[in-house]
């Protein structure tokens, strides 16, 4: 099994959802009850908490477990890619 050489942050899935429903990240933040700064941080790869995942579920209808699984996979991929980089560095 070949693993990808990239990591997909939950923010990328959020962005895809926003485009599909034609909302801005600011509108999402308002619906979630979080600041523009917090939503910007999530979109840029800041860790997604259980509370944020539940808020996303409330707004998107996508189960919070999807968001938490995406976060877990993202962090694992980042770790794996970092280890690969460290092994290949002189």
PDB file of N, CA and C in Angstrom:
ATOM      1  N   UNK A   1       0.847  -1.175   0.000  1.00  0.00           N
ATOM      2  CA  UNK A   1       0.000   0.000   0.000  1.00  0.00           C
ATOM      3  C   UNK A   1       0.895   1.242   0.000  1.00  0.00           C
ATOM      4  N   UNK A   2       0.665   2.117  -0.932  1.00  0.00           N
ATOM      5  CA  UNK A   2       1.435   3.348  -1.024  1.00  0.00           C
ATOM      6  C   UNK A   2       0.689   4.465  -0.317  1.00  0.00           C
ATOM      7  N   UNK A   3       1.380   5.123   0.585  1.00  0.00           N
ATOM      8  CA  UNK A   3       0.782   6.250   1.308  1.00  0.00           C
ATOM      9  C   UNK A   3       1.040   7.538   0.546  1.00  0.00           C
ATOM     10  N   UNK A   4       0.116   8.487   0.622  1.00  0.00           N
ATOM     11  CA  UNK A   4       0.310   9.750  -0.101  1.00  0.00           C
ATOM     12  C   UNK A   4       1.476  10.547   0.474  1.00  0.00           C
ATOM     13  N   UNK A   5       2.043  11.401  -0.370  1.00  0.00           N
ATOM     14  CA  UNK A   5       3.146  12.245   0.082  1.00  0.00           C
ATOM     15  C   UNK A   5       2.642  13.659   0.394  1.00  0.00           C
ATOM     16  N   UNK A   6       1.434  13.724   0.922  1.00  0.00           N
ATOM     17  CA  UNK A   6       0.819  14.992   1.302  1.00  0.00           C
ATOM     18  C   UNK A   6      -0.138  14.748   2.468  1.00  0.00           C
ATOM     19  N   UNK A   7      -0.541  15.825   3.096  1.00  0.00           N
ATOM     20  CA  UNK A   7      -1.498  15.756   4.194  1.00  0.00           C
ATOM     21  C   UNK A   7      -2.630  16.739   3.903  1.00  0.00           C
ATOM     22  N   UNK A   8      -3.866  16.301   4.122  1.00  0.00           N
ATOM     23  CA  UNK A   8      -5.027  17.147   3.857  1.00  0.00           C
ATOM     24  C   UNK A   8      -5.607  17.610   5.188  1.00  0.00           C
ATOM     25  N   UNK A   9      -5.532  18.915   5.407  1.00  0.00           N
ATOM     26  CA  UNK A   9      -6.055  19.500   6.645  1.00  0.00           C
ATOM     27  C   UNK A   9      -7.578  19.537   6.601  1.00  0.00           C
ATOM     28  N   UNK A  10      -8.225  19.406   7.756  1.00  0.00           N
ATOM     29  CA  UNK A  10      -9.684  19.534   7.789  1.00  0.00           C
ATOM     30  C   UNK A  10     -10.173  20.843   7.157  1.00  0.00           C
ATOM     31  N   UNK A  11      -9.372  21.887   7.253  1.00  0.00           N
ATOM     32  CA  UNK A  11      -9.742  23.166   6.640  1.00  0.00           C
ATOM     33  C   UNK A  11      -9.992  23.057   5.148  1.00  0.00           C
ATOM     34  N   UNK A  12      -9.307  22.135   4.492  1.00  0.00           N
ATOM     35  CA  UNK A  12      -9.536  21.946   3.058  1.00  0.00           C
ATOM     36  C   UNK A  12     -10.914  21.338   2.794  1.00  0.00           C
ATOM     37  N   UNK A  13     -11.338  20.425   3.668  1.00  0.00           N
ATOM     38  CA  UNK A  13     -12.688  19.871   3.547  1.00  0.00           C
ATOM     39  C   UNK A  13     -13.732  20.940   3.858  1.00  0.00           C
ATOM     40  N   UNK A  14     -13.434  21.754   4.853  1.00  0.00           N
ATOM     41  CA  UNK A  14     -14.342  22.851   5.185  1.00  0.00           C
ATOM     42  C   UNK A  14     -14.481  23.785   3.984  1.00  0.00           C
ATOM     43  N   UNK A  15     -13.365  24.120   3.355  1.00  0.00           N
ATOM     44  CA  UNK A  15     -13.390  25.004   2.191  1.00  0.00           C
ATOM     45  C   UNK A  15     -14.226  24.406   1.059  1.00  0.00           C
ATOM     46  N   UNK A  16     -14.086  23.121   0.819  1.00  0.00           N
ATOM     47  CA  UNK A  16     -14.883  22.464  -0.225  1.00  0.00           C
ATOM     48  C   UNK A  16     -16.367  22.558   0.092  1.00  0.00           C
ATOM     49  N   UNK A  17     -16.713  22.347   1.360  1.00  0.00           N
ATOM     50  CA  UNK A  17     -18.119  22.439   1.763  1.00  0.00           C
ATOM     51  C   UNK A  17     -18.628  23.855   1.568  1.00  0.00           C
ATOM     52  N   UNK A  18     -17.829  24.840   1.978  1.00  0.00           N
ATOM     53  CA  UNK A  18     -18.229  26.238   1.820  1.00  0.00           C
ATOM     54  C   UNK A  18     -18.507  26.568   0.360  1.00  0.00           C
ATOM     55  N   UNK A  19     -17.637  26.117  -0.525  1.00  0.00           N
ATOM     56  CA  UNK A  19     -17.829  26.364  -1.958  1.00  0.00           C
ATOM     57  C   UNK A  19     -19.098  25.687  -2.463  1.00  0.00           C
ATOM     58  N   UNK A  20     -19.355  24.481  -1.987  1.00  0.00           N
ATOM     59  CA  UNK A  20     -20.534  23.736  -2.442  1.00  0.00           C
ATOM     60  C   UNK A  20     -21.837  24.418  -2.029  1.00  0.00           C
ATOM     61  N   UNK A  21     -21.838  25.031  -0.843  1.00  0.00           N
ATOM     62  CA  UNK A  21     -23.067  25.671  -0.350  1.00  0.00           C
ATOM     63  C   UNK A  21     -23.038  27.187  -0.514  1.00  0.00           C
ATOM     64  N   UNK A  22     -21.977  27.676  -1.142  1.00  0.00           N
ATOM     65  CA  UNK A  22     -21.822  29.101  -1.444  1.00  0.00           C
ATOM     66  C   UNK A  22     -21.906  29.988  -0.205  1.00  0.00           C
ATOM     67  N   UNK A  23     -21.085  29.632   0.784  1.00  0.00           N
ATOM     68  CA  UNK A  23     -20.929  30.437   1.999  1.00  0.00           C
ATOM     69  C   UNK A  23     -19.485  30.901   2.096  1.00  0.00           C
ATOM     70  N   UNK A  24     -19.278  31.986   2.797  1.00  0.00           N
ATOM     71  CA  UNK A  24     -17.917  32.444   3.061  1.00  0.00           C
ATOM     72  C   UNK A  24     -17.459  31.876   4.395  1.00  0.00           C
ATOM     73  N   UNK A  25     -16.155  31.918   4.614  1.00  0.00           N
ATOM     74  CA  UNK A  25     -15.644  31.454   5.905  1.00  0.00           C
ATOM     75  C   UNK A  25     -16.135  32.352   7.036  1.00  0.00           C
ATOM     76  N   UNK A  26     -16.336  33.633   6.758  1.00  0.00           N
ATOM     77  CA  UNK A  26     -16.869  34.558   7.769  1.00  0.00           C
ATOM     78  C   UNK A  26     -18.289  34.141   8.157  1.00  0.00           C
ATOM     79  N   UNK A  27     -19.105  33.801   7.159  1.00  0.00           N
ATOM     80  CA  UNK A  27     -20.470  33.353   7.444  1.00  0.00           C
ATOM     81  C   UNK A  27     -20.462  32.058   8.256  1.00  0.00           C
ATOM     82  N   UNK A  28     -19.543  31.167   7.928  1.00  0.00           N
ATOM     83  CA  UNK A  28     -19.427  29.928   8.687  1.00  0.00           C
ATOM     84  C   UNK A  28     -19.082  30.235  10.137  1.00  0.00           C
ATOM     85  N   UNK A  29     -18.100  31.102  10.337  1.00  0.00           N
ATOM     86  CA  UNK A  29     -17.719  31.474  11.697  1.00  0.00           C
ATOM     87  C   UNK A  29     -18.895  32.029  12.484  1.00  0.00           C
ATOM     88  N   UNK A  30     -19.677  32.871  11.847  1.00  0.00           N
ATOM     89  CA  UNK A  30     -20.859  33.439  12.531  1.00  0.00           C
ATOM     90  C   UNK A  30     -21.837  32.342  12.907  1.00  0.00           C
ATOM     91  N   UNK A  31     -22.081  31.423  11.977  1.00  0.00           N
ATOM     92  CA  UNK A  31     -23.023  30.331  12.255  1.00  0.00           C
ATOM     93  C   UNK A  31     -22.511  29.400  13.346  1.00  0.00           C
ATOM     94  N   UNK A  32     -21.191  29.265  13.424  1.00  0.00           N
ATOM     95  CA  UNK A  32     -20.593  28.417  14.458  1.00  0.00           C
ATOM     96  C   UNK A  32     -20.464  29.162  15.783  1.00  0.00           C
ATOM     97  N   UNK A  33     -20.580  30.482  15.738  1.00  0.00           N
ATOM     98  CA  UNK A  33     -20.432  31.282  16.950  1.00  0.00           C
ATOM     99  C   UNK A  33     -18.982  31.467  17.351  1.00  0.00           C
ATOM    100  N   UNK A  34     -18.077  31.477  16.364  1.00  0.00           N
ATOM    101  CA  UNK A  34     -16.666  31.687  16.658  1.00  0.00           C
ATOM    102  C   UNK A  34     -16.156  32.892  15.879  1.00  0.00           C
ATOM    103  N   UNK A  35     -15.045  33.417  16.310  1.00  0.00           N
ATOM    104  CA  UNK A  35     -14.487  34.632  15.708  1.00  0.00           C
ATOM    105  C   UNK A  35     -13.931  34.367  14.314  1.00  0.00           C
ATOM    106  N   UNK A  36     -13.796  35.454  13.556  1.00  0.00           N
ATOM    107  CA  UNK A  36     -13.169  35.351  12.237  1.00  0.00           C
ATOM    108  C   UNK A  36     -11.746  34.822  12.369  1.00  0.00           C
ATOM    109  N   UNK A  37     -11.051  35.242  13.421  1.00  0.00           N
ATOM    110  CA  UNK A  37      -9.679  34.780  13.646  1.00  0.00           C
ATOM    111  C   UNK A  37      -9.645  33.264  13.858  1.00  0.00           C
ATOM    112  N   UNK A  38     -10.571  32.761  14.664  1.00  0.00           N
ATOM    113  CA  UNK A  38     -10.608  31.322  14.946  1.00  0.00           C
ATOM    114  C   UNK A  38     -10.920  30.531  13.681  1.00  0.00           C
ATOM    115  N   UNK A  39     -11.876  30.988  12.896  1.00  0.00           N
ATOM    116  CA  UNK A  39     -12.203  30.263  11.665  1.00  0.00           C
ATOM    117  C   UNK A  39     -11.017  30.316  10.701  1.00  0.00           C
ATOM    118  N   UNK A  40     -10.333  31.449  10.634  1.00  0.00           N
ATOM    119  CA  UNK A  40      -9.150  31.559   9.767  1.00  0.00           C
ATOM    120  C   UNK A  40      -8.076  30.573  10.211  1.00  0.00           C
ATOM    121  N   UNK A  41      -7.886  30.443  11.512  1.00  0.00           N
ATOM    122  CA  UNK A  41      -6.892  29.502  12.035  1.00  0.00           C
ATOM    123  C   UNK A  41      -7.266  28.062  11.691  1.00  0.00           C
ATOM    124  N   UNK A  42      -8.548  27.720  11.813  1.00  0.00           N
ATOM    125  CA  UNK A  42      -8.997  26.372  11.443  1.00  0.00           C
ATOM    126  C   UNK A  42      -8.738  26.111   9.964  1.00  0.00           C
ATOM    127  N   UNK A  43      -9.027  27.091   9.150  1.00  0.00           N
ATOM    128  CA  UNK A  43      -8.846  26.932   7.712  1.00  0.00           C
ATOM    129  C   UNK A  43      -7.374  26.761   7.346  1.00  0.00           C
ATOM    130  N   UNK A  44      -6.485  27.298   8.175  1.00  0.00           N
ATOM    131  CA  UNK A  44      -5.050  27.230   7.904  1.00  0.00           C
ATOM    132  C   UNK A  44      -4.372  26.051   8.581  1.00  0.00           C
ATOM    133  N   UNK A  45      -5.142  25.188   9.229  1.00  0.00           N
ATOM    134  CA  UNK A  45      -4.556  23.978   9.787  1.00  0.00           C
ATOM    135  C   UNK A  45      -4.400  23.934  11.286  1.00  0.00           C
ATOM    136  N   UNK A  46      -4.962  24.921  11.986  1.00  0.00           N
ATOM    137  CA  UNK A  46      -4.940  24.887  13.444  1.00  0.00           C
ATOM    138  C   UNK A  46      -5.689  23.640  13.912  1.00  0.00           C
ATOM    139  N   UNK A  47      -5.263  23.024  15.015  1.00  0.00           N
ATOM    140  CA  UNK A  47      -5.929  21.797  15.475  1.00  0.00           C
ATOM    141  C   UNK A  47      -7.439  21.981  15.679  1.00  0.00           C
ATOM    142  N   UNK A  48      -8.178  21.004  15.236  1.00  0.00           N
ATOM    143  CA  UNK A  48      -9.633  20.998  15.351  1.00  0.00           C
ATOM    144  C   UNK A  48     -10.009  20.271  16.632  1.00  0.00           C
ATOM    145  N   UNK A  49     -10.680  20.970  17.521  1.00  0.00           N
ATOM    146  CA  UNK A  49     -11.093  20.379  18.795  1.00  0.00           C
ATOM    147  C   UNK A  49     -12.432  19.664  18.654  1.00  0.00           C
ATOM    148  N   UNK A  50     -12.767  18.877  19.652  1.00  0.00           N
ATOM    149  CA  UNK A  50     -14.068  18.216  19.668  1.00  0.00           C
ATOM    150  C   UNK A  50     -15.181  19.252  19.657  1.00  0.00           C
ATOM    151  N   UNK A  51     -15.014  20.330  20.401  1.00  0.00           N
ATOM    152  CA  UNK A  51     -16.037  21.380  20.433  1.00  0.00           C
ATOM    153  C   UNK A  51     -16.242  21.986  19.045  1.00  0.00           C
ATOM    154  N   UNK A  52     -15.153  22.271  18.349  1.00  0.00           N
ATOM    155  CA  UNK A  52     -15.259  22.829  16.992  1.00  0.00           C
ATOM    156  C   UNK A  52     -15.880  21.816  16.035  1.00  0.00           C
ATOM    157  N   UNK A  53     -15.530  20.550  16.197  1.00  0.00           N
ATOM    158  CA  UNK A  53     -16.108  19.510  15.345  1.00  0.00           C
ATOM    159  C   UNK A  53     -17.619  19.417  15.554  1.00  0.00           C
ATOM    160  N   UNK A  54     -18.046  19.552  16.793  1.00  0.00           N
ATOM    161  CA  UNK A  54     -19.494  19.516  17.079  1.00  0.00           C
ATOM    162  C   UNK A  54     -20.188  20.751  16.496  1.00  0.00           C
ATOM    163  N   UNK A  55     -19.526  21.896  16.570  1.00  0.00           N
ATOM    164  CA  UNK A  55     -20.092  23.107  15.968  1.00  0.00           C
ATOM    165  C   UNK A  55     -20.186  22.941  14.450  1.00  0.00           C
ATOM    166  N   UNK A  56     -19.172  22.355  13.854  1.00  0.00           N
ATOM    167  CA  UNK A  56     -19.212  22.092  12.413  1.00  0.00           C
ATOM    168  C   UNK A  56     -20.371  21.159  12.064  1.00  0.00           C
ATOM    169  N   UNK A  57     -20.569  20.143  12.882  1.00  0.00           N
ATOM    170  CA  UNK A  57     -21.685  19.228  12.651  1.00  0.00           C
ATOM    171  C   UNK A  57     -23.009  19.986  12.682  1.00  0.00           C
ATOM    172  N   UNK A  58     -23.172  20.865  13.665  1.00  0.00           N
ATOM    173  CA  UNK A  58     -24.414  21.631  13.786  1.00  0.00           C
ATOM    174  C   UNK A  58     -24.679  22.478  12.542  1.00  0.00           C
ATOM    175  N   UNK A  59     -23.621  23.034  11.970  1.00  0.00           N
ATOM    176  CA  UNK A  59     -23.770  23.932  10.823  1.00  0.00           C
ATOM    177  C   UNK A  59     -23.831  23.162   9.508  1.00  0.00           C
ATOM    178  N   UNK A  60     -22.973  22.156   9.354  1.00  0.00           N
ATOM    179  CA  UNK A  60     -22.858  21.471   8.057  1.00  0.00           C
ATOM    180  C   UNK A  60     -23.755  20.254   7.928  1.00  0.00           C
ATOM    181  N   UNK A  61     -24.134  19.659   9.052  1.00  0.00           N
ATOM    182  CA  UNK A  61     -24.875  18.406   9.010  1.00  0.00           C
ATOM    183  C   UNK A  61     -23.972  17.199   8.829  1.00  0.00           C
ATOM    184  N   UNK A  62     -22.669  17.440   8.729  1.00  0.00           N
ATOM    185  CA  UNK A  62     -21.686  16.365   8.592  1.00  0.00           C
ATOM    186  C   UNK A  62     -21.281  15.934   9.996  1.00  0.00           C
ATOM    187  N   UNK A  63     -21.366  14.647  10.306  1.00  0.00           N
ATOM    188  CA  UNK A  63     -21.099  14.200  11.679  1.00  0.00           C
ATOM    189  C   UNK A  63     -19.757  14.692  12.223  1.00  0.00           C
ATOM    190  N   UNK A  64     -19.756  15.039  13.501  1.00  0.00           N
ATOM    191  CA  UNK A  64     -18.525  15.531  14.138  1.00  0.00           C
ATOM    192  C   UNK A  64     -17.419  14.494  14.070  1.00  0.00           C
ATOM    193  N   UNK A  65     -17.793  13.219  14.026  1.00  0.00           N
ATOM    194  CA  UNK A  65     -16.770  12.173  13.949  1.00  0.00           C
ATOM    195  C   UNK A  65     -15.994  12.248  12.644  1.00  0.00           C
ATOM    196  N   UNK A  66     -16.647  12.682  11.553  1.00  0.00           N
ATOM    197  CA  UNK A  66     -15.930  12.881  10.296  1.00  0.00           C
ATOM    198  C   UNK A  66     -14.839  13.916  10.484  1.00  0.00           C
ATOM    199  N   UNK A  67     -15.198  15.031  11.118  1.00  0.00           N
ATOM    200  CA  UNK A  67     -14.233  16.122  11.310  1.00  0.00           C
ATOM    201  C   UNK A  67     -13.088  15.686  12.212  1.00  0.00           C
ATOM    202  N   UNK A  68     -13.409  14.937  13.269  1.00  0.00           N
ATOM    203  CA  UNK A  68     -12.351  14.463  14.173  1.00  0.00           C
ATOM    204  C   UNK A  68     -11.459  13.424  13.489  1.00  0.00           C
ATOM    205  N   UNK A  69     -12.057  12.564  12.679  1.00  0.00           N
ATOM    206  CA  UNK A  69     -11.261  11.587  11.931  1.00  0.00           C
ATOM    207  C   UNK A  69     -10.340  12.286  10.929  1.00  0.00           C
ATOM    208  N   UNK A  70     -10.860  13.326  10.278  1.00  0.00           N
ATOM    209  CA  UNK A  70     -10.040  14.094   9.332  1.00  0.00           C
ATOM    210  C   UNK A  70      -8.866  14.743  10.060  1.00  0.00           C
ATOM    211  N   UNK A  71      -9.120  15.265  11.251  1.00  0.00           N
ATOM    212  CA  UNK A  71      -8.058  15.883  12.059  1.00  0.00           C
ATOM    213  C   UNK A  71      -7.011  14.848  12.448  1.00  0.00           C
ATOM    214  N   UNK A  72      -7.472  13.697  12.910  1.00  0.00           N
ATOM    215  CA  UNK A  72      -6.554  12.639  13.341  1.00  0.00           C
ATOM    216  C   UNK A  72      -5.678  12.169  12.176  1.00  0.00           C
ATOM    217  N   UNK A  73      -6.284  11.965  11.016  1.00  0.00           N
ATOM    218  CA  UNK A  73      -5.540  11.534   9.840  1.00  0.00           C
ATOM    219  C   UNK A  73      -4.541  12.606   9.405  1.00  0.00           C
ATOM    220  N   UNK A  74      -4.956  13.860   9.437  1.00  0.00           N
ATOM    221  CA  UNK A  74      -4.077  14.971   9.063  1.00  0.00           C
ATOM    222  C   UNK A  74      -2.841  14.999   9.958  1.00  0.00           C
ATOM    223  N   UNK A  75      -3.050  14.911  11.270  1.00  0.00           N
ATOM    224  CA  UNK A  75      -1.911  14.952  12.201  1.00  0.00           C
ATOM    225  C   UNK A  75      -1.005  13.746  12.001  1.00  0.00           C
ATOM    226  N   UNK A  76      -1.575  12.573  11.763  1.00  0.00           N
ATOM    227  CA  UNK A  76      -0.762  11.381  11.529  1.00  0.00           C
ATOM    228  C   UNK A  76       0.049  11.517  10.237  1.00  0.00           C
ATOM    229  N   UNK A  77      -0.583  12.048   9.201  1.00  0.00           N
ATOM    230  CA  UNK A  77       0.135  12.244   7.934  1.00  0.00           C
ATOM    231  C   UNK A  77       1.257  13.271   8.093  1.00  0.00           C
ATOM    232  N   UNK A  78       0.988  14.351   8.825  1.00  0.00           N
ATOM    233  CA  UNK A  78       2.041  15.343   9.065  1.00  0.00           C
ATOM    234  C   UNK A  78       3.230  14.713   9.779  1.00  0.00           C
ATOM    235  N   UNK A  79       2.948  13.909  10.783  1.00  0.00           N
ATOM    236  CA  UNK A  79       4.002  13.244  11.537  1.00  0.00           C
ATOM    237  C   UNK A  79       4.801  12.304  10.638  1.00  0.00           C
ATOM    238  N   UNK A  80       4.095  11.506   9.849  1.00  0.00           N
ATOM    239  CA  UNK A  80       4.749  10.565   8.943  1.00  0.00           C
ATOM    240  C   UNK A  80       5.627  11.300   7.938  1.00  0.00           C
ATOM    241  N   UNK A  81       5.122  12.395   7.372  1.00  0.00           N
ATOM    242  CA  UNK A  81       5.895  13.164   6.395  1.00  0.00           C
ATOM    243  C   UNK A  81       7.105  13.832   7.024  1.00  0.00           C
ATOM    244  N   UNK A  82       6.961  14.296   8.259  1.00  0.00           N
ATOM    245  CA  UNK A  82       8.093  14.884   8.981  1.00  0.00           C
ATOM    246  C   UNK A  82       9.167  13.843   9.203  1.00  0.00           C
ATOM    247  N   UNK A  83       8.772  12.634   9.594  1.00  0.00           N
ATOM    248  CA  UNK A  83       9.737  11.562   9.818  1.00  0.00           C
ATOM    249  C   UNK A  83      10.454  11.192   8.521  1.00  0.00           C
ATOM    250  N   UNK A  84       9.743  11.159   7.426  1.00  0.00           N
ATOM    251  CA  UNK A  84      10.348  10.854   6.129  1.00  0.00           C
ATOM    252  C   UNK A  84      11.370  11.941   5.776  1.00  0.00           C
ATOM    253  N   UNK A  85      11.003  13.203   5.968  1.00  0.00           N
ATOM    254  CA  UNK A  85      11.922  14.306   5.693  1.00  0.00           C
ATOM    255  C   UNK A  85      13.170  14.226   6.556  1.00  0.00           C
ATOM    256  N   UNK A  86      12.981  13.894   7.827  1.00  0.00           N
ATOM    257  CA  UNK A  86      14.129  13.810   8.739  1.00  0.00           C
ATOM    258  C   UNK A  86      15.071  12.669   8.338  1.00  0.00           C
ATOM    259  N   UNK A  87      14.517  11.549   7.897  1.00  0.00           N
ATOM    260  CA  UNK A  87      15.346  10.417   7.477  1.00  0.00           C
ATOM    261  C   UNK A  87      16.105  10.709   6.196  1.00  0.00           C
ATOM    262  N   UNK A  88      15.499  11.513   5.326  1.00  0.00           N
ATOM    263  CA  UNK A  88      16.142  11.785   4.029  1.00  0.00           C
ATOM    264  C   UNK A  88      17.079  12.984   4.066  1.00  0.00           C
ATOM    265  N   UNK A  89      17.094  13.718   5.167  1.00  0.00           N
ATOM    266  CA  UNK A  89      18.008  14.861   5.300  1.00  0.00           C
ATOM    267  C   UNK A  89      19.395  14.372   5.671  1.00  0.00           C
ATOM    268  N   UNK A  90      20.439  14.999   5.114  1.00  0.00           N
ATOM    269  CA  UNK A  90      21.811  14.566   5.432  1.00  0.00           C
ATOM    270  C   UNK A  90      22.210  14.900   6.853  1.00  0.00           C
TER     271      UNK A  90
END
